[in-house]
């Protein structure tokens, strides 16, 4: 994401203030309200939050999302891990009351949804899912594909927008004071954060649109020597599992750094699990090592009055 200097300073100062004082549950609401006020002032001068180079790159691939043997084959295969990971962690908090639709009654936001590869299976589990992506052609692909399945028509919808734009819509003055800005039970950002330029704004906006106690699910790539060797040199340049230039190692983030960022923005990290892709079999598996890929589940801290 891009943000101008004043926006970065505002968010950075608020982050340091929260961390320095210790993040207690009772201070969560006050901090979020304070950040919302600052964000309103800073947003008017801010730049778009996505990296335009990334948008152009995915624009050229927008019609290929549902080719299971194409550039996104590894993402199709990743559903074998990430869908149960999301489902099971949500069911630990929300008891299933809808036979056959365990996520029924839950509202999920899929950030950077692309062509809807993860949005659709979450909808089939019963969740009402909004997929957002800044690439309009990808949204068009997602809408066309989901329209072919009658089971998804009342559960899945898409919008061509950014997370920050969606967050801005939730700033409703008096209505926000009464009802709270959060409206989603869960946010999913799978293989997204390694393409962003401003993770501070991303984390803040996730907090802003989530309900208290809501879940944030992230899958991404660690910033390690091994991830560079396998994720870029081998995957992009040698085996061409993904298109060359898809990833920028400088944007990768370690689990420790991501946990620190999320905790400074009102989240409590619940679990981090390593993921491993086997290019020979085209399958993903869980592993004890987070040196390359990993999945993270965090929860928005509740205010003490709500506990």
C-alpha atoms as a PDB file:
ATOM      1  CA  UNK A   1       0.000   0.000   0.000  1.00  0.00           C
ATOM      2  CA  UNK A   2       1.044   3.554  -0.567  1.00  0.00           C
ATOM      3  CA  UNK A   3       0.489   6.314   1.974  1.00  0.00           C
ATOM      4  CA  UNK A   4       1.984   9.785   2.109  1.00  0.00           C
ATOM      5  CA  UNK A   5       4.432  10.948   4.761  1.00  0.00           C
ATOM      6  CA  UNK A   6       1.849  12.537   7.039  1.00  0.00           C
ATOM      7  CA  UNK A   7      -0.330   9.406   7.029  1.00  0.00           C
ATOM      8  CA  UNK A   8       2.656   7.186   7.860  1.00  0.00           C
ATOM      9  CA  UNK A   9       3.706   9.485  10.703  1.00  0.00           C
ATOM     10  CA  UNK A  10       0.212   9.541  12.193  1.00  0.00           C
ATOM     11  CA  UNK A  11      -0.164   5.766  12.103  1.00  0.00           C
ATOM     12  CA  UNK A  12       3.386   5.218  13.276  1.00  0.00           C
ATOM     13  CA  UNK A  13       3.002   7.546  16.250  1.00  0.00           C
ATOM     14  CA  UNK A  14      -0.248   5.903  17.265  1.00  0.00           C
ATOM     15  CA  UNK A  15       1.339   2.475  16.978  1.00  0.00           C
ATOM     16  CA  UNK A  16       4.277   3.479  19.179  1.00  0.00           C
ATOM     17  CA  UNK A  17       1.952   5.102  21.692  1.00  0.00           C
ATOM     18  CA  UNK A  18      -0.095   1.915  22.004  1.00  0.00           C
ATOM     19  CA  UNK A  19       2.951  -0.322  22.299  1.00  0.00           C
ATOM     20  CA  UNK A  20       4.754   1.890  24.785  1.00  0.00           C
ATOM     21  CA  UNK A  21       1.830   1.929  27.178  1.00  0.00           C
ATOM     22  CA  UNK A  22       1.113  -1.771  26.887  1.00  0.00           C
ATOM     23  CA  UNK A  23      -1.961  -2.991  25.031  1.00  0.00           C
ATOM     24  CA  UNK A  24      -4.625  -3.658  27.640  1.00  0.00           C
ATOM     25  CA  UNK A  25      -8.117  -4.835  26.751  1.00  0.00           C
ATOM     26  CA  UNK A  26      -9.738  -1.883  28.534  1.00  0.00           C
ATOM     27  CA  UNK A  27      -7.906   0.632  26.341  1.00  0.00           C
ATOM     28  CA  UNK A  28      -8.811  -1.006  23.034  1.00  0.00           C
ATOM     29  CA  UNK A  29     -11.946   0.988  22.241  1.00  0.00           C
ATOM     30  CA  UNK A  30     -10.391   4.347  23.131  1.00  0.00           C
ATOM     31  CA  UNK A  31      -7.340   3.661  20.982  1.00  0.00           C
ATOM     32  CA  UNK A  32      -9.452   2.581  18.016  1.00  0.00           C
ATOM     33  CA  UNK A  33     -11.610   5.698  18.258  1.00  0.00           C
ATOM     34  CA  UNK A  34      -8.527   7.900  18.487  1.00  0.00           C
ATOM     35  CA  UNK A  35      -6.990   6.195  15.468  1.00  0.00           C
ATOM     36  CA  UNK A  36     -10.206   6.567  13.506  1.00  0.00           C
ATOM     37  CA  UNK A  37     -10.183  10.345  14.095  1.00  0.00           C
ATOM     38  CA  UNK A  38      -6.574  10.644  13.005  1.00  0.00           C
ATOM     39  CA  UNK A  39      -7.165   8.425   9.995  1.00  0.00           C
ATOM     40  CA  UNK A  40     -10.025  10.618   8.768  1.00  0.00           C
ATOM     41  CA  UNK A  41      -7.715  13.636   8.782  1.00  0.00           C
ATOM     42  CA  UNK A  42      -4.806  11.809   7.148  1.00  0.00           C
ATOM     43  CA  UNK A  43      -6.791   9.964   4.493  1.00  0.00           C
ATOM     44  CA  UNK A  44      -7.728  13.113   2.566  1.00  0.00           C
ATOM     45  CA  UNK A  45      -4.057  13.556   1.634  1.00  0.00           C
ATOM     46  CA  UNK A  46      -3.148   9.890   1.229  1.00  0.00           C
ATOM     47  CA  UNK A  47      -2.262   8.021  -1.949  1.00  0.00           C
ATOM     48  CA  UNK A  48      -3.983   4.802  -3.106  1.00  0.00           C
ATOM     49  CA  UNK A  49      -3.071   1.989  -0.732  1.00  0.00           C
ATOM     50  CA  UNK A  50      -2.108  -0.623  -3.322  1.00  0.00           C
ATOM     51  CA  UNK A  51       1.119  -0.830  -5.256  1.00  0.00           C
ATOM     52  CA  UNK A  52       0.302   0.103  -8.881  1.00  0.00           C
ATOM     53  CA  UNK A  53       3.004  -2.263 -10.161  1.00  0.00           C
ATOM     54  CA  UNK A  54       1.254  -5.140  -8.413  1.00  0.00           C
ATOM     55  CA  UNK A  55      -2.094  -4.105  -9.888  1.00  0.00           C
ATOM     56  CA  UNK A  56      -0.657  -4.093 -13.403  1.00  0.00           C
ATOM     57  CA  UNK A  57       0.951  -7.493 -12.870  1.00  0.00           C
ATOM     58  CA  UNK A  58      -2.284  -9.129 -11.732  1.00  0.00           C
ATOM     59  CA  UNK A  59      -4.282  -7.282 -14.367  1.00  0.00           C
ATOM     60  CA  UNK A  60      -2.397  -9.262 -17.014  1.00  0.00           C
ATOM     61  CA  UNK A  61      -3.332 -12.526 -15.255  1.00  0.00           C
ATOM     62  CA  UNK A  62      -6.961 -11.707 -14.487  1.00  0.00           C
ATOM     63  CA  UNK A  63      -8.397 -14.193 -16.957  1.00  0.00           C
ATOM     64  CA  UNK A  64      -6.324 -17.122 -15.711  1.00  0.00           C
ATOM     65  CA  UNK A  65      -7.544 -17.502 -12.131  1.00  0.00           C
ATOM     66  CA  UNK A  66      -9.592 -20.665 -12.706  1.00  0.00           C
ATOM     67  CA  UNK A  67      -7.013 -22.553 -14.769  1.00  0.00           C
ATOM     68  CA  UNK A  68      -6.087 -25.220 -12.219  1.00  0.00           C
ATOM     69  CA  UNK A  69      -2.965 -26.123 -14.185  1.00  0.00           C
ATOM     70  CA  UNK A  70      -1.890 -22.566 -14.931  1.00  0.00           C
ATOM     71  CA  UNK A  71      -0.130 -19.792 -13.035  1.00  0.00           C
ATOM     72  CA  UNK A  72      -2.421 -20.138 -10.019  1.00  0.00           C
ATOM     73  CA  UNK A  73      -2.235 -23.925  -9.658  1.00  0.00           C
ATOM     74  CA  UNK A  74      -0.454 -23.635  -6.291  1.00  0.00           C
ATOM     75  CA  UNK A  75      -3.238 -21.385  -4.963  1.00  0.00           C
ATOM     76  CA  UNK A  76      -5.894 -23.891  -6.016  1.00  0.00           C
ATOM     77  CA  UNK A  77      -3.970 -26.611  -4.179  1.00  0.00           C
ATOM     78  CA  UNK A  78      -3.550 -24.397  -1.103  1.00  0.00           C
ATOM     79  CA  UNK A  79      -7.301 -24.608  -0.470  1.00  0.00           C
ATOM     80  CA  UNK A  80      -6.685 -28.083   0.940  1.00  0.00           C
ATOM     81  CA  UNK A  81      -4.976 -26.389   3.901  1.00  0.00           C
ATOM     82  CA  UNK A  82      -6.317 -22.878   4.165  1.00  0.00           C
ATOM     83  CA  UNK A  83     -10.041 -23.674   3.966  1.00  0.00           C
ATOM     84  CA  UNK A  84      -9.965 -26.168   6.900  1.00  0.00           C
ATOM     85  CA  UNK A  85      -7.636 -23.813   8.802  1.00  0.00           C
ATOM     86  CA  UNK A  86     -10.173 -21.003   8.552  1.00  0.00           C
ATOM     87  CA  UNK A  87     -13.195 -23.243   9.151  1.00  0.00           C
ATOM     88  CA  UNK A  88     -11.819 -25.036  12.199  1.00  0.00           C
ATOM     89  CA  UNK A  89     -10.572 -21.898  13.940  1.00  0.00           C
ATOM     90  CA  UNK A  90     -13.894 -20.149  13.387  1.00  0.00           C
ATOM     91  CA  UNK A  91     -15.776 -23.153  14.739  1.00  0.00           C
ATOM     92  CA  UNK A  92     -13.696 -22.944  17.913  1.00  0.00           C
ATOM     93  CA  UNK A  93     -15.380 -19.593  18.513  1.00  0.00           C
ATOM     94  CA  UNK A  94     -18.729 -19.927  16.736  1.00  0.00           C
ATOM     95  CA  UNK A  95     -20.738 -23.088  17.360  1.00  0.00           C
ATOM     96  CA  UNK A  96     -22.203 -24.456  14.118  1.00  0.00           C
ATOM     97  CA  UNK A  97     -25.995 -24.196  14.115  1.00  0.00           C
ATOM     98  CA  UNK A  98     -26.523 -24.828  10.425  1.00  0.00           C
ATOM     99  CA  UNK A  99     -26.330 -28.525   9.424  1.00  0.00           C
ATOM    100  CA  UNK A 100     -24.109 -28.901   6.376  1.00  0.00           C
ATOM    101  CA  UNK A 101     -23.192 -25.201   6.458  1.00  0.00           C
ATOM    102  CA  UNK A 102     -20.832 -24.841   9.460  1.00  0.00           C
ATOM    103  CA  UNK A 103     -20.065 -21.172   8.766  1.00  0.00           C
ATOM    104  CA  UNK A 104     -23.698 -20.203   8.345  1.00  0.00           C
ATOM    105  CA  UNK A 105     -24.547 -16.833   9.888  1.00  0.00           C
ATOM    106  CA  UNK A 106     -20.978 -15.518   9.697  1.00  0.00           C
ATOM    107  CA  UNK A 107     -19.846 -12.561   7.603  1.00  0.00           C
ATOM    108  CA  UNK A 108     -16.401 -12.938   6.041  1.00  0.00           C
ATOM    109  CA  UNK A 109     -14.309 -10.418   4.110  1.00  0.00           C
ATOM    110  CA  UNK A 110     -11.839 -11.884   1.595  1.00  0.00           C
ATOM    111  CA  UNK A 111      -9.202  -9.186   0.969  1.00  0.00           C
ATOM    112  CA  UNK A 112      -7.316  -9.456  -2.326  1.00  0.00           C
ATOM    113  CA  UNK A 113      -9.713 -12.160  -3.464  1.00  0.00           C
ATOM    114  CA  UNK A 114      -8.467 -12.285  -7.059  1.00  0.00           C
ATOM    115  CA  UNK A 115     -10.773 -14.544  -9.049  1.00  0.00           C
ATOM    116  CA  UNK A 116     -12.523 -15.917  -5.960  1.00  0.00           C
ATOM    117  CA  UNK A 117     -10.488 -19.088  -5.431  1.00  0.00           C
ATOM    118  CA  UNK A 118     -10.928 -18.897  -1.659  1.00  0.00           C
ATOM    119  CA  UNK A 119     -14.126 -16.839  -1.599  1.00  0.00           C
ATOM    120  CA  UNK A 120     -16.228 -19.556  -3.204  1.00  0.00           C
ATOM    121  CA  UNK A 121     -15.381 -22.476  -0.856  1.00  0.00           C
ATOM    122  CA  UNK A 122     -16.025 -20.244   2.167  1.00  0.00           C
ATOM    123  CA  UNK A 123     -19.412 -19.384   0.691  1.00  0.00           C
ATOM    124  CA  UNK A 124     -20.171 -23.076   0.187  1.00  0.00           C
ATOM    125  CA  UNK A 125     -19.506 -23.590   3.893  1.00  0.00           C
ATOM    126  CA  UNK A 126     -22.395 -21.220   4.564  1.00  0.00           C
ATOM    127  CA  UNK A 127     -20.627 -17.917   5.220  1.00  0.00           C
ATOM    128  CA  UNK A 128     -21.795 -14.690   3.613  1.00  0.00           C
ATOM    129  CA  UNK A 129     -18.580 -13.574   1.903  1.00  0.00           C
ATOM    130  CA  UNK A 130     -17.575 -10.290   0.322  1.00  0.00           C
ATOM    131  CA  UNK A 131     -14.510 -10.558  -1.907  1.00  0.00           C
ATOM    132  CA  UNK A 132     -12.646  -7.335  -2.667  1.00  0.00           C
ATOM    133  CA  UNK A 133      -9.749  -6.706  -5.029  1.00  0.00           C
ATOM    134  CA  UNK A 134      -8.340  -3.552  -6.690  1.00  0.00           C
ATOM    135  CA  UNK A 135      -8.069  -5.328 -10.061  1.00  0.00           C
ATOM    136  CA  UNK A 136     -11.409  -4.853 -11.753  1.00  0.00           C
ATOM    137  CA  UNK A 137     -10.855  -7.588 -14.336  1.00  0.00           C
ATOM    138  CA  UNK A 138     -10.182 -10.120 -11.566  1.00  0.00           C
ATOM    139  CA  UNK A 139     -13.462  -9.141  -9.923  1.00  0.00           C
ATOM    140  CA  UNK A 140     -15.188  -9.634 -13.277  1.00  0.00           C
ATOM    141  CA  UNK A 141     -13.696 -13.124 -13.529  1.00  0.00           C
ATOM    142  CA  UNK A 142     -14.819 -13.909  -9.969  1.00  0.00           C
ATOM    143  CA  UNK A 143     -18.370 -12.677 -10.586  1.00  0.00           C
ATOM    144  CA  UNK A 144     -18.720 -14.661 -13.787  1.00  0.00           C
ATOM    145  CA  UNK A 145     -17.447 -17.874 -12.215  1.00  0.00           C
ATOM    146  CA  UNK A 146     -19.614 -17.663  -9.077  1.00  0.00           C
ATOM    147  CA  UNK A 147     -22.726 -16.851 -11.142  1.00  0.00           C
ATOM    148  CA  UNK A 148     -22.633 -20.386 -12.527  1.00  0.00           C
ATOM    149  CA  UNK A 149     -23.285 -21.890  -9.084  1.00  0.00           C
ATOM    150  CA  UNK A 150     -26.826 -21.237  -7.748  1.00  0.00           C
ATOM    151  CA  UNK A 151     -25.654 -22.167  -4.242  1.00  0.00           C
ATOM    152  CA  UNK A 152     -23.407 -19.079  -4.162  1.00  0.00           C
ATOM    153  CA  UNK A 153     -25.782 -16.419  -5.446  1.00  0.00           C
ATOM    154  CA  UNK A 154     -27.028 -15.337  -2.027  1.00  0.00           C
ATOM    155  CA  UNK A 155     -23.756 -15.959  -0.206  1.00  0.00           C
ATOM    156  CA  UNK A 156     -20.931 -14.506  -2.317  1.00  0.00           C
ATOM    157  CA  UNK A 157     -20.545 -11.021  -3.755  1.00  0.00           C
ATOM    158  CA  UNK A 158     -17.610  -9.011  -5.042  1.00  0.00           C
ATOM    159  CA  UNK A 159     -16.437  -5.409  -5.236  1.00  0.00           C
ATOM    160  CA  UNK A 160     -13.530  -3.778  -7.031  1.00  0.00           C
ATOM    161  CA  UNK A 161     -12.087  -1.713  -4.182  1.00  0.00           C
ATOM    162  CA  UNK A 162      -9.310  -1.622  -1.592  1.00  0.00           C
ATOM    163  CA  UNK A 163      -9.507  -2.494   2.088  1.00  0.00           C
ATOM    164  CA  UNK A 164      -8.849   1.128   2.991  1.00  0.00           C
ATOM    165  CA  UNK A 165     -11.751   2.312   0.851  1.00  0.00           C
ATOM    166  CA  UNK A 166     -14.039  -0.213   2.522  1.00  0.00           C
ATOM    167  CA  UNK A 167     -12.801   0.855   5.945  1.00  0.00           C
ATOM    168  CA  UNK A 168     -13.531   4.501   5.144  1.00  0.00           C
ATOM    169  CA  UNK A 169     -17.162   3.636   4.428  1.00  0.00           C
ATOM    170  CA  UNK A 170     -17.521   2.323   7.977  1.00  0.00           C
ATOM    171  CA  UNK A 171     -16.775   5.678   9.586  1.00  0.00           C
ATOM    172  CA  UNK A 172     -20.339   6.687  10.329  1.00  0.00           C
ATOM    173  CA  UNK A 173     -20.101   9.375  12.999  1.00  0.00           C
ATOM    174  CA  UNK A 174     -22.866   8.904  15.561  1.00  0.00           C
ATOM    175  CA  UNK A 175     -23.859   5.553  14.073  1.00  0.00           C
ATOM    176  CA  UNK A 176     -20.312   4.324  14.615  1.00  0.00           C
ATOM    177  CA  UNK A 177     -20.409   5.427  18.240  1.00  0.00           C
ATOM    178  CA  UNK A 178     -23.599   3.420  18.822  1.00  0.00           C
ATOM    179  CA  UNK A 179     -22.993   0.291  16.783  1.00  0.00           C
ATOM    180  CA  UNK A 180     -19.230   0.128  16.273  1.00  0.00           C
ATOM    181  CA  UNK A 181     -17.433   0.199  12.958  1.00  0.00           C
ATOM    182  CA  UNK A 182     -16.820  -3.548  12.817  1.00  0.00           C
ATOM    183  CA  UNK A 183     -19.227  -5.622  10.785  1.00  0.00           C
ATOM    184  CA  UNK A 184     -17.271  -8.760   9.834  1.00  0.00           C
ATOM    185  CA  UNK A 185     -16.771 -11.905  11.882  1.00  0.00           C
ATOM    186  CA  UNK A 186     -13.596 -12.749   9.965  1.00  0.00           C
ATOM    187  CA  UNK A 187     -11.144 -11.293   7.465  1.00  0.00           C
ATOM    188  CA  UNK A 188      -9.092 -13.487   5.165  1.00  0.00           C
ATOM    189  CA  UNK A 189      -5.942 -12.156   3.482  1.00  0.00           C
ATOM    190  CA  UNK A 190      -4.354 -15.154   1.793  1.00  0.00           C
ATOM    191  CA  UNK A 191      -1.169 -14.549  -0.203  1.00  0.00           C
ATOM    192  CA  UNK A 192      -1.842 -10.814  -0.049  1.00  0.00           C
ATOM    193  CA  UNK A 193       0.380  -9.048   2.489  1.00  0.00           C
ATOM    194  CA  UNK A 194       3.558  -9.842   0.514  1.00  0.00           C
ATOM    195  CA  UNK A 195       2.176  -7.642  -2.270  1.00  0.00           C
ATOM    196  CA  UNK A 196       1.388  -4.597  -0.100  1.00  0.00           C
ATOM    197  CA  UNK A 197       3.516  -1.534   0.542  1.00  0.00           C
ATOM    198  CA  UNK A 198       2.038  -0.335   3.862  1.00  0.00           C
ATOM    199  CA  UNK A 199       1.238  -3.083   6.340  1.00  0.00           C
ATOM    200  CA  UNK A 200       0.534  -0.626   9.162  1.00  0.00           C
ATOM    201  CA  UNK A 201      -2.474   0.765   7.322  1.00  0.00           C
ATOM    202  CA  UNK A 202      -3.557  -2.743   6.375  1.00  0.00           C
ATOM    203  CA  UNK A 203      -3.505  -3.897  10.015  1.00  0.00           C
ATOM    204  CA  UNK A 204      -5.387  -0.818  11.205  1.00  0.00           C
ATOM    205  CA  UNK A 205      -8.090  -1.210   8.567  1.00  0.00           C
ATOM    206  CA  UNK A 206      -8.504  -4.899   9.405  1.00  0.00           C
ATOM    207  CA  UNK A 207      -9.120  -3.948  13.025  1.00  0.00           C
ATOM    208  CA  UNK A 208     -11.542  -1.239  11.968  1.00  0.00           C
ATOM    209  CA  UNK A 209     -13.906  -3.450   9.956  1.00  0.00           C
ATOM    210  CA  UNK A 210     -13.781  -6.504  12.257  1.00  0.00           C
ATOM    211  CA  UNK A 211     -16.218  -7.107  15.078  1.00  0.00           C
ATOM    212  CA  UNK A 212     -14.689  -7.310  18.574  1.00  0.00           C
ATOM    213  CA  UNK A 213     -13.432 -10.869  18.927  1.00  0.00           C
ATOM    214  CA  UNK A 214     -13.381 -11.268  15.139  1.00  0.00           C
ATOM    215  CA  UNK A 215     -10.729 -13.368  13.444  1.00  0.00           C
ATOM    216  CA  UNK A 216      -7.998 -12.394  10.992  1.00  0.00           C
ATOM    217  CA  UNK A 217      -6.483 -15.137   8.829  1.00  0.00           C
ATOM    218  CA  UNK A 218      -3.273 -14.550   6.881  1.00  0.00           C
ATOM    219  CA  UNK A 219      -1.159 -16.840   4.755  1.00  0.00           C
ATOM    220  CA  UNK A 220       2.087 -15.382   3.466  1.00  0.00           C
ATOM    221  CA  UNK A 221       5.820 -15.917   2.957  1.00  0.00           C
ATOM    222  CA  UNK A 222       8.527 -15.558   5.587  1.00  0.00           C
ATOM    223  CA  UNK A 223      11.412 -13.167   4.960  1.00  0.00           C
ATOM    224  CA  UNK A 224      14.305 -15.612   5.127  1.00  0.00           C
ATOM    225  CA  UNK A 225      17.206 -16.735   2.982  1.00  0.00           C
ATOM    226  CA  UNK A 226      15.372 -19.992   2.356  1.00  0.00           C
ATOM    227  CA  UNK A 227      12.222 -18.217   1.179  1.00  0.00           C
ATOM    228  CA  UNK A 228      14.287 -16.204  -1.280  1.00  0.00           C
ATOM    229  CA  UNK A 229      16.003 -19.291  -2.626  1.00  0.00           C
ATOM    230  CA  UNK A 230      12.866 -21.409  -2.940  1.00  0.00           C
ATOM    231  CA  UNK A 231      10.118 -18.817  -3.297  1.00  0.00           C
ATOM    232  CA  UNK A 232      11.804 -16.661  -5.925  1.00  0.00           C
ATOM    233  CA  UNK A 233      14.821 -18.375  -7.467  1.00  0.00           C
ATOM    234  CA  UNK A 234      13.340 -21.882  -7.675  1.00  0.00           C
ATOM    235  CA  UNK A 235       9.585 -21.184  -7.906  1.00  0.00           C
ATOM    236  CA  UNK A 236       9.762 -18.212 -10.282  1.00  0.00           C
ATOM    237  CA  UNK A 237      13.010 -18.523 -12.202  1.00  0.00           C
ATOM    238  CA  UNK A 238      13.686 -22.261 -12.431  1.00  0.00           C
ATOM    239  CA  UNK A 239      10.427 -24.211 -12.111  1.00  0.00           C
ATOM    240  CA  UNK A 240       8.149 -21.290 -13.082  1.00  0.00           C
ATOM    241  CA  UNK A 241       5.475 -22.424 -10.636  1.00  0.00           C
ATOM    242  CA  UNK A 242       4.421 -18.775 -10.505  1.00  0.00           C
ATOM    243  CA  UNK A 243       5.107 -16.045 -13.091  1.00  0.00           C
ATOM    244  CA  UNK A 244       8.520 -14.368 -12.872  1.00  0.00           C
ATOM    245  CA  UNK A 245       8.365 -11.123 -10.911  1.00  0.00           C
ATOM    246  CA  UNK A 246       5.325 -12.151  -8.851  1.00  0.00           C
ATOM    247  CA  UNK A 247       7.143 -11.621  -5.549  1.00  0.00           C
ATOM    248  CA  UNK A 248       9.462  -8.997  -4.092  1.00  0.00           C
ATOM    249  CA  UNK A 249      11.545 -10.451  -1.255  1.00  0.00           C
ATOM    250  CA  UNK A 250      11.762  -7.037   0.409  1.00  0.00           C
ATOM    251  CA  UNK A 251       7.994  -7.174   1.007  1.00  0.00           C
ATOM    252  CA  UNK A 252       8.100 -10.558   2.744  1.00  0.00           C
ATOM    253  CA  UNK A 253       7.555 -10.488   6.508  1.00  0.00           C
ATOM    254  CA  UNK A 254       8.584 -12.890   9.256  1.00  0.00           C
ATOM    255  CA  UNK A 255       6.039 -14.336  11.701  1.00  0.00           C
ATOM    256  CA  UNK A 256       7.687 -12.423  14.535  1.00  0.00           C
ATOM    257  CA  UNK A 257       7.440  -9.096  12.717  1.00  0.00           C
ATOM    258  CA  UNK A 258       3.859  -9.766  11.630  1.00  0.00           C
ATOM    259  CA  UNK A 259       2.822 -10.714  15.155  1.00  0.00           C
ATOM    260  CA  UNK A 260       4.408  -7.545  16.515  1.00  0.00           C
ATOM    261  CA  UNK A 261       2.596  -5.435  13.920  1.00  0.00           C
ATOM    262  CA  UNK A 262      -0.770  -7.049  14.610  1.00  0.00           C
ATOM    263  CA  UNK A 263      -0.462  -6.796  18.382  1.00  0.00           C
ATOM    264  CA  UNK A 264       0.310  -3.081  18.092  1.00  0.00           C
ATOM    265  CA  UNK A 265      -2.938  -2.736  16.163  1.00  0.00           C
ATOM    266  CA  UNK A 266      -5.237  -4.436  18.625  1.00  0.00           C
ATOM    267  CA  UNK A 267      -4.895  -8.141  17.760  1.00  0.00           C
ATOM    268  CA  UNK A 268      -3.888 -11.191  19.746  1.00  0.00           C
ATOM    269  CA  UNK A 269      -2.151 -13.852  17.657  1.00  0.00           C
ATOM    270  CA  UNK A 270      -3.602 -17.283  18.412  1.00  0.00           C
ATOM    271  CA  UNK A 271      -1.592 -19.609  16.189  1.00  0.00           C
ATOM    272  CA  UNK A 272       1.110 -19.709  13.518  1.00  0.00           C
ATOM    273  CA  UNK A 273       1.645 -22.828  11.401  1.00  0.00           C
ATOM    274  CA  UNK A 274       4.271 -23.594   8.796  1.00  0.00           C
ATOM    275  CA  UNK A 275       3.228 -24.614   5.290  1.00  0.00           C
ATOM    276  CA  UNK A 276       5.217 -26.496   2.656  1.00  0.00           C
ATOM    277  CA  UNK A 277       4.556 -26.857  -1.073  1.00  0.00           C
ATOM    278  CA  UNK A 278       5.754 -29.921  -2.956  1.00  0.00           C
ATOM    279  CA  UNK A 279       6.209 -28.964  -6.630  1.00  0.00           C
ATOM    280  CA  UNK A 280       6.495 -32.618  -7.642  1.00  0.00           C
ATOM    281  CA  UNK A 281       3.069 -33.580  -6.297  1.00  0.00           C
ATOM    282  CA  UNK A 282       1.522 -30.125  -6.475  1.00  0.00           C
ATOM    283  CA  UNK A 283       0.288 -30.519  -2.895  1.00  0.00           C
ATOM    284  CA  UNK A 284       0.623 -28.501   0.316  1.00  0.00           C
ATOM    285  CA  UNK A 285       1.233 -29.909   3.777  1.00  0.00           C
ATOM    286  CA  UNK A 286       1.609 -28.562   7.295  1.00  0.00           C
ATOM    287  CA  UNK A 287       5.133 -28.450   8.698  1.00  0.00           C
ATOM    288  CA  UNK A 288       6.796 -27.429  11.953  1.00  0.00           C
ATOM    289  CA  UNK A 289       8.984 -24.933  10.093  1.00  0.00           C
ATOM    290  CA  UNK A 290       7.767 -21.438   9.195  1.00  0.00           C
ATOM    291  CA  UNK A 291      10.948 -20.681   7.233  1.00  0.00           C
ATOM    292  CA  UNK A 292       9.093 -20.421   3.913  1.00  0.00           C
ATOM    293  CA  UNK A 293       5.275 -20.220   4.007  1.00  0.00           C
ATOM    294  CA  UNK A 294       3.063 -19.900   7.049  1.00  0.00           C
ATOM    295  CA  UNK A 295      -0.540 -19.392   8.124  1.00  0.00           C
ATOM    296  CA  UNK A 296      -1.524 -17.109  11.001  1.00  0.00           C
ATOM    297  CA  UNK A 297      -4.733 -16.699  12.974  1.00  0.00           C
ATOM    298  CA  UNK A 298      -5.256 -13.598  15.115  1.00  0.00           C
ATOM    299  CA  UNK A 299      -8.248 -12.255  17.034  1.00  0.00           C
ATOM    300  CA  UNK A 300      -9.294  -8.655  17.526  1.00  0.00           C
ATOM    301  CA  UNK A 301      -8.966  -7.880  21.235  1.00  0.00           C
ATOM    302  CA  UNK A 302     -12.287  -7.333  22.959  1.00  0.00           C
ATOM    303  CA  UNK A 303     -12.933  -4.386  25.198  1.00  0.00           C
ATOM    304  CA  UNK A 304     -13.037  -5.329  28.885  1.00  0.00           C
ATOM    305  CA  UNK A 305     -16.669  -4.234  29.116  1.00  0.00           C
ATOM    306  CA  UNK A 306     -17.652  -6.864  26.546  1.00  0.00           C
ATOM    307  CA  UNK A 307     -16.055  -9.781  28.408  1.00  0.00           C
END
